[in-house]
Amino acid sequence: MNMKTALVIAFGAAIGLPYVTIALLEGGGSAGPALVGGLFIGAIFLVVWSDFGGGETSDDA
């Protein structure tokens, strides 16, 4: 993943995640907390995947 894509994802998550969390907790009913948990697990998975799975390797070392 290149630097520009990583920054766009980071800013998007930092700005959008709080609003989505509040919307799910207020309007999600009894499933709201489970949806918020899934949202945060998905965000963590995205970070881990971009670090390990989507990262570009360099043979300069």
PDB file of N, CA and C in Angstrom:
ATOM      1  N   MET A   1       0.862  -1.168   0.000  1.00  0.00           N
ATOM      2  CA  MET A   1       0.000   0.000   0.000  1.00  0.00           C
ATOM      3  C   MET A   1       0.907   1.228   0.000  1.00  0.00           C
ATOM      4  N   ASN A   2       0.628   2.141  -0.884  1.00  0.00           N
ATOM      5  CA  ASN A   2       1.471   3.322  -0.943  1.00  0.00           C
ATOM      6  C   ASN A   2       1.051   4.345   0.116  1.00  0.00           C
ATOM      7  N   MET A   3       1.884   5.333   0.301  1.00  0.00           N
ATOM      8  CA  MET A   3       1.695   6.307   1.374  1.00  0.00           C
ATOM      9  C   MET A   3       0.406   7.115   1.203  1.00  0.00           C
ATOM     10  N   LYS A   4       0.081   7.503  -0.023  1.00  0.00           N
ATOM     11  CA  LYS A   4      -1.111   8.316  -0.265  1.00  0.00           C
ATOM     12  C   LYS A   4      -2.379   7.543   0.096  1.00  0.00           C
ATOM     13  N   THR A   5      -2.451   6.274  -0.277  1.00  0.00           N
ATOM     14  CA  THR A   5      -3.615   5.448   0.041  1.00  0.00           C
ATOM     15  C   THR A   5      -3.744   5.252   1.548  1.00  0.00           C
ATOM     16  N   ALA A   6      -2.618   5.014   2.218  1.00  0.00           N
ATOM     17  CA  ALA A   6      -2.644   4.830   3.667  1.00  0.00           C
ATOM     18  C   ALA A   6      -3.125   6.086   4.380  1.00  0.00           C
ATOM     19  N   LEU A   7      -2.696   7.254   3.915  1.00  0.00           N
ATOM     20  CA  LEU A   7      -3.138   8.501   4.541  1.00  0.00           C
ATOM     21  C   LEU A   7      -4.624   8.764   4.312  1.00  0.00           C
ATOM     22  N   VAL A   8      -5.111   8.459   3.118  1.00  0.00           N
ATOM     23  CA  VAL A   8      -6.542   8.642   2.839  1.00  0.00           C
ATOM     24  C   VAL A   8      -7.380   7.733   3.735  1.00  0.00           C
ATOM     25  N   ILE A   9      -6.963   6.484   3.890  1.00  0.00           N
ATOM     26  CA  ILE A   9      -7.690   5.558   4.758  1.00  0.00           C
ATOM     27  C   ILE A   9      -7.622   6.016   6.209  1.00  0.00           C
ATOM     28  N   ALA A  10      -6.453   6.465   6.653  1.00  0.00           N
ATOM     29  CA  ALA A  10      -6.295   6.908   8.041  1.00  0.00           C
ATOM     30  C   ALA A  10      -7.164   8.131   8.336  1.00  0.00           C
ATOM     31  N   PHE A  11      -7.142   9.126   7.466  1.00  0.00           N
ATOM     32  CA  PHE A  11      -7.976  10.308   7.680  1.00  0.00           C
ATOM     33  C   PHE A  11      -9.459   9.976   7.574  1.00  0.00           C
ATOM     34  N   GLY A  12      -9.810   9.115   6.647  1.00  0.00           N
ATOM     35  CA  GLY A  12     -11.212   8.712   6.525  1.00  0.00           C
ATOM     36  C   GLY A  12     -11.718   8.002   7.761  1.00  0.00           C
ATOM     37  N   ALA A  13     -10.893   7.107   8.308  1.00  0.00           N
ATOM     38  CA  ALA A  13     -11.280   6.399   9.532  1.00  0.00           C
ATOM     39  C   ALA A  13     -11.326   7.341  10.720  1.00  0.00           C
ATOM     40  N   ALA A  14     -10.361   8.257  10.815  1.00  0.00           N
ATOM     41  CA  ALA A  14     -10.318   9.181  11.945  1.00  0.00           C
ATOM     42  C   ALA A  14     -11.497  10.145  11.937  1.00  0.00           C
ATOM     43  N   ILE A  15     -11.927  10.542  10.767  1.00  0.00           N
ATOM     44  CA  ILE A  15     -13.038  11.494  10.680  1.00  0.00           C
ATOM     45  C   ILE A  15     -14.386  10.774  10.682  1.00  0.00           C
ATOM     46  N   GLY A  16     -14.496   9.662   9.979  1.00  0.00           N
ATOM     47  CA  GLY A  16     -15.791   9.005   9.822  1.00  0.00           C
ATOM     48  C   GLY A  16     -16.166   8.034  10.924  1.00  0.00           C
ATOM     49  N   LEU A  17     -15.194   7.385  11.534  1.00  0.00           N
ATOM     50  CA  LEU A  17     -15.481   6.344  12.521  1.00  0.00           C
ATOM     51  C   LEU A  17     -16.273   6.851  13.728  1.00  0.00           C
ATOM     52  N   PRO A  18     -15.955   8.010  14.295  1.00  0.00           N
ATOM     53  CA  PRO A  18     -16.772   8.480  15.428  1.00  0.00           C
ATOM     54  C   PRO A  18     -18.234   8.736  15.058  1.00  0.00           C
ATOM     55  N   TYR A  19     -18.465   9.299  13.874  1.00  0.00           N
ATOM     56  CA  TYR A  19     -19.839   9.576  13.453  1.00  0.00           C
ATOM     57  C   TYR A  19     -20.621   8.290  13.205  1.00  0.00           C
ATOM     58  N   VAL A  20     -19.972   7.323  12.588  1.00  0.00           N
ATOM     59  CA  VAL A  20     -20.633   6.045  12.338  1.00  0.00           C
ATOM     60  C   VAL A  20     -20.921   5.327  13.652  1.00  0.00           C
ATOM     61  N   THR A  21     -19.981   5.422  14.594  1.00  0.00           N
ATOM     62  CA  THR A  21     -20.174   4.792  15.898  1.00  0.00           C
ATOM     63  C   THR A  21     -21.385   5.368  16.611  1.00  0.00           C
ATOM     64  N   ILE A  22     -21.505   6.683  16.664  1.00  0.00           N
ATOM     65  CA  ILE A  22     -22.648   7.328  17.325  1.00  0.00           C
ATOM     66  C   ILE A  22     -23.948   6.971  16.615  1.00  0.00           C
ATOM     67  N   ALA A  23     -23.936   6.975  15.294  1.00  0.00           N
ATOM     68  CA  ALA A  23     -25.147   6.629  14.543  1.00  0.00           C
ATOM     69  C   ALA A  23     -25.596   5.205  14.830  1.00  0.00           C
ATOM     70  N   LEU A  24     -24.642   4.270  14.917  1.00  0.00           N
ATOM     71  CA  LEU A  24     -25.006   2.884  15.202  1.00  0.00           C
ATOM     72  C   LEU A  24     -25.507   2.712  16.629  1.00  0.00           C
ATOM     73  N   LEU A  25     -24.910   3.418  17.576  1.00  0.00           N
ATOM     74  CA  LEU A  25     -25.339   3.285  18.965  1.00  0.00           C
ATOM     75  C   LEU A  25     -26.704   3.914  19.201  1.00  0.00           C
ATOM     76  N   GLU A  26     -26.981   5.032  18.520  1.00  0.00           N
ATOM     77  CA  GLU A  26     -28.275   5.697  18.716  1.00  0.00           C
ATOM     78  C   GLU A  26     -29.398   5.040  17.920  1.00  0.00           C
ATOM     79  N   GLY A  27     -29.114   4.592  16.713  1.00  0.00           N
ATOM     80  CA  GLY A  27     -30.167   4.071  15.862  1.00  0.00           C
ATOM     81  C   GLY A  27     -30.120   2.573  15.640  1.00  0.00           C
ATOM     82  N   GLY A  28     -29.141   1.902  16.205  1.00  0.00           N
ATOM     83  CA  GLY A  28     -28.972   0.484  15.940  1.00  0.00           C
ATOM     84  C   GLY A  28     -29.812  -0.425  16.803  1.00  0.00           C
ATOM     85  N   GLY A  29     -30.495   0.136  17.799  1.00  0.00           N
ATOM     86  CA  GLY A  29     -31.308  -0.690  18.684  1.00  0.00           C
ATOM     87  C   GLY A  29     -30.448  -1.629  19.508  1.00  0.00           C
ATOM     88  N   SER A  30     -30.917  -2.845  19.676  1.00  0.00           N
ATOM     89  CA  SER A  30     -30.164  -3.805  20.491  1.00  0.00           C
ATOM     90  C   SER A  30     -28.955  -4.358  19.745  1.00  0.00           C
ATOM     91  N   ALA A  31     -28.933  -4.252  18.430  1.00  0.00           N
ATOM     92  CA  ALA A  31     -27.792  -4.736  17.648  1.00  0.00           C
ATOM     93  C   ALA A  31     -26.701  -3.681  17.518  1.00  0.00           C
ATOM     94  N   GLY A  32     -26.954  -2.471  17.991  1.00  0.00           N
ATOM     95  CA  GLY A  32     -25.987  -1.373  17.867  1.00  0.00           C
ATOM     96  C   GLY A  32     -24.618  -1.684  18.445  1.00  0.00           C
ATOM     97  N   PRO A  33     -24.542  -2.130  19.713  1.00  0.00           N
ATOM     98  CA  PRO A  33     -23.210  -2.434  20.272  1.00  0.00           C
ATOM     99  C   PRO A  33     -22.467  -3.539  19.510  1.00  0.00           C
ATOM    100  N   ALA A  34     -23.179  -4.521  19.021  1.00  0.00           N
ATOM    101  CA  ALA A  34     -22.532  -5.585  18.242  1.00  0.00           C
ATOM    102  C   ALA A  34     -22.019  -5.033  16.911  1.00  0.00           C
ATOM    103  N   LEU A  35     -22.784  -4.147  16.288  1.00  0.00           N
ATOM    104  CA  LEU A  35     -22.341  -3.534  15.035  1.00  0.00           C
ATOM    105  C   LEU A  35     -21.126  -2.643  15.258  1.00  0.00           C
ATOM    106  N   VAL A  36     -21.100  -1.915  16.364  1.00  0.00           N
ATOM    107  CA  VAL A  36     -19.947  -1.069  16.673  1.00  0.00           C
ATOM    108  C   VAL A  36     -18.712  -1.934  16.908  1.00  0.00           C
ATOM    109  N   GLY A  37     -18.883  -3.042  17.617  1.00  0.00           N
ATOM    110  CA  GLY A  37     -17.766  -3.965  17.819  1.00  0.00           C
ATOM    111  C   GLY A  37     -17.238  -4.501  16.506  1.00  0.00           C
ATOM    112  N   GLY A  38     -18.141  -4.874  15.613  1.00  0.00           N
ATOM    113  CA  GLY A  38     -17.727  -5.349  14.299  1.00  0.00           C
ATOM    114  C   GLY A  38     -17.034  -4.270  13.483  1.00  0.00           C
ATOM    115  N   LEU A  39     -17.498  -3.035  13.633  1.00  0.00           N
ATOM    116  CA  LEU A  39     -16.879  -1.919  12.935  1.00  0.00           C
ATOM    117  C   LEU A  39     -15.435  -1.726  13.385  1.00  0.00           C
ATOM    118  N   PHE A  40     -15.219  -1.772  14.691  1.00  0.00           N
ATOM    119  CA  PHE A  40     -13.863  -1.585  15.199  1.00  0.00           C
ATOM    120  C   PHE A  40     -12.972  -2.783  14.881  1.00  0.00           C
ATOM    121  N   ILE A  41     -13.510  -3.982  14.916  1.00  0.00           N
ATOM    122  CA  ILE A  41     -12.725  -5.154  14.515  1.00  0.00           C
ATOM    123  C   ILE A  41     -12.353  -5.039  13.039  1.00  0.00           C
ATOM    124  N   GLY A  42     -13.275  -4.558  12.230  1.00  0.00           N
ATOM    125  CA  GLY A  42     -12.972  -4.343  10.814  1.00  0.00           C
ATOM    126  C   GLY A  42     -11.885  -3.299  10.605  1.00  0.00           C
ATOM    127  N   ALA A  43     -11.914  -2.226  11.394  1.00  0.00           N
ATOM    128  CA  ALA A  43     -10.878  -1.194  11.287  1.00  0.00           C
ATOM    129  C   ALA A  43      -9.517  -1.744  11.690  1.00  0.00           C
ATOM    130  N   ILE A  44      -9.494  -2.537  12.761  1.00  0.00           N
ATOM    131  CA  ILE A  44      -8.229  -3.149  13.195  1.00  0.00           C
ATOM    132  C   ILE A  44      -7.729  -4.120  12.129  1.00  0.00           C
ATOM    133  N   PHE A  45      -8.635  -4.909  11.548  1.00  0.00           N
ATOM    134  CA  PHE A  45      -8.249  -5.845  10.489  1.00  0.00           C
ATOM    135  C   PHE A  45      -7.670  -5.100   9.293  1.00  0.00           C
ATOM    136  N   LEU A  46      -8.256  -3.963   8.946  1.00  0.00           N
ATOM    137  CA  LEU A  46      -7.755  -3.174   7.823  1.00  0.00           C
ATOM    138  C   LEU A  46      -6.325  -2.712   8.079  1.00  0.00           C
ATOM    139  N   VAL A  47      -6.040  -2.283   9.296  1.00  0.00           N
ATOM    140  CA  VAL A  47      -4.688  -1.847   9.635  1.00  0.00           C
ATOM    141  C   VAL A  47      -3.712  -3.012   9.562  1.00  0.00           C
ATOM    142  N   VAL A  48      -4.099  -4.151  10.134  1.00  0.00           N
ATOM    143  CA  VAL A  48      -3.215  -5.317  10.118  1.00  0.00           C
ATOM    144  C   VAL A  48      -3.007  -5.817   8.693  1.00  0.00           C
ATOM    145  N   TRP A  49      -4.060  -5.873   7.901  1.00  0.00           N
ATOM    146  CA  TRP A  49      -3.949  -6.338   6.523  1.00  0.00           C
ATOM    147  C   TRP A  49      -3.060  -5.413   5.694  1.00  0.00           C
ATOM    148  N   SER A  50      -3.218  -4.108   5.891  1.00  0.00           N
ATOM    149  CA  SER A  50      -2.394  -3.181   5.120  1.00  0.00           C
ATOM    150  C   SER A  50      -0.932  -3.279   5.525  1.00  0.00           C
ATOM    151  N   ASP A  51      -0.670  -3.684   6.768  1.00  0.00           N
ATOM    152  CA  ASP A  51       0.707  -3.812   7.217  1.00  0.00           C
ATOM    153  C   ASP A  51       1.339  -5.109   6.726  1.00  0.00           C
ATOM    154  N   PHE A  52       0.609  -6.213   6.809  1.00  0.00           N
ATOM    155  CA  PHE A  52       1.166  -7.517   6.436  1.00  0.00           C
ATOM    156  C   PHE A  52       0.784  -7.946   5.029  1.00  0.00           C
ATOM    157  N   GLY A  53      -0.498  -7.994   4.747  1.00  0.00           N
ATOM    158  CA  GLY A  53      -0.966  -8.562   3.483  1.00  0.00           C
ATOM    159  C   GLY A  53      -0.825  -7.642   2.308  1.00  0.00           C
ATOM    160  N   GLY A  54      -1.087  -6.368   2.498  1.00  0.00           N
ATOM    161  CA  GLY A  54      -1.077  -5.455   1.371  1.00  0.00           C
ATOM    162  C   GLY A  54       0.202  -4.667   1.240  1.00  0.00           C
ATOM    163  N   GLY A  55       1.143  -4.888   2.142  1.00  0.00           N
ATOM    164  CA  GLY A  55       2.379  -4.135   2.116  1.00  0.00           C
ATOM    165  C   GLY A  55       3.284  -4.543   0.962  1.00  0.00           C
ATOM    166  N   GLU A  56       4.045  -3.580   0.492  1.00  0.00           N
ATOM    167  CA  GLU A  56       4.988  -3.846  -0.581  1.00  0.00           C
ATOM    168  C   GLU A  56       6.337  -4.153   0.049  1.00  0.00           C
ATOM    169  N   THR A  57       6.994  -5.148  -0.459  1.00  0.00           N
ATOM    170  CA  THR A  57       8.306  -5.510   0.080  1.00  0.00           C
ATOM    171  C   THR A  57       9.407  -4.870  -0.769  1.00  0.00           C
ATOM    172  N   SER A  58      10.500  -4.611  -0.119  1.00  0.00           N
ATOM    173  CA  SER A  58      11.638  -4.013  -0.793  1.00  0.00           C
ATOM    174  C   SER A  58      12.863  -4.861  -0.515  1.00  0.00           C
ATOM    175  N   ASP A  59      13.651  -5.116  -1.539  1.00  0.00           N
ATOM    176  CA  ASP A  59      14.854  -5.933  -1.385  1.00  0.00           C
ATOM    177  C   ASP A  59      16.113  -5.059  -1.329  1.00  0.00           C
ATOM    178  N   ASP A  60      15.989  -3.864  -0.790  1.00  0.00           N
ATOM    179  CA  ASP A  60      17.121  -2.953  -0.721  1.00  0.00           C
ATOM    180  C   ASP A  60      18.063  -3.256   0.435  1.00  0.00           C
ATOM    181  N   ALA A  61      17.641  -4.058   1.393  1.00  0.00           N
ATOM    182  CA  ALA A  61      18.439  -4.291   2.608  1.00  0.00           C
ATOM    183  C   ALA A  61      19.622  -5.148   2.391  1.00  0.00           C
TER     184      ALA A  61
END
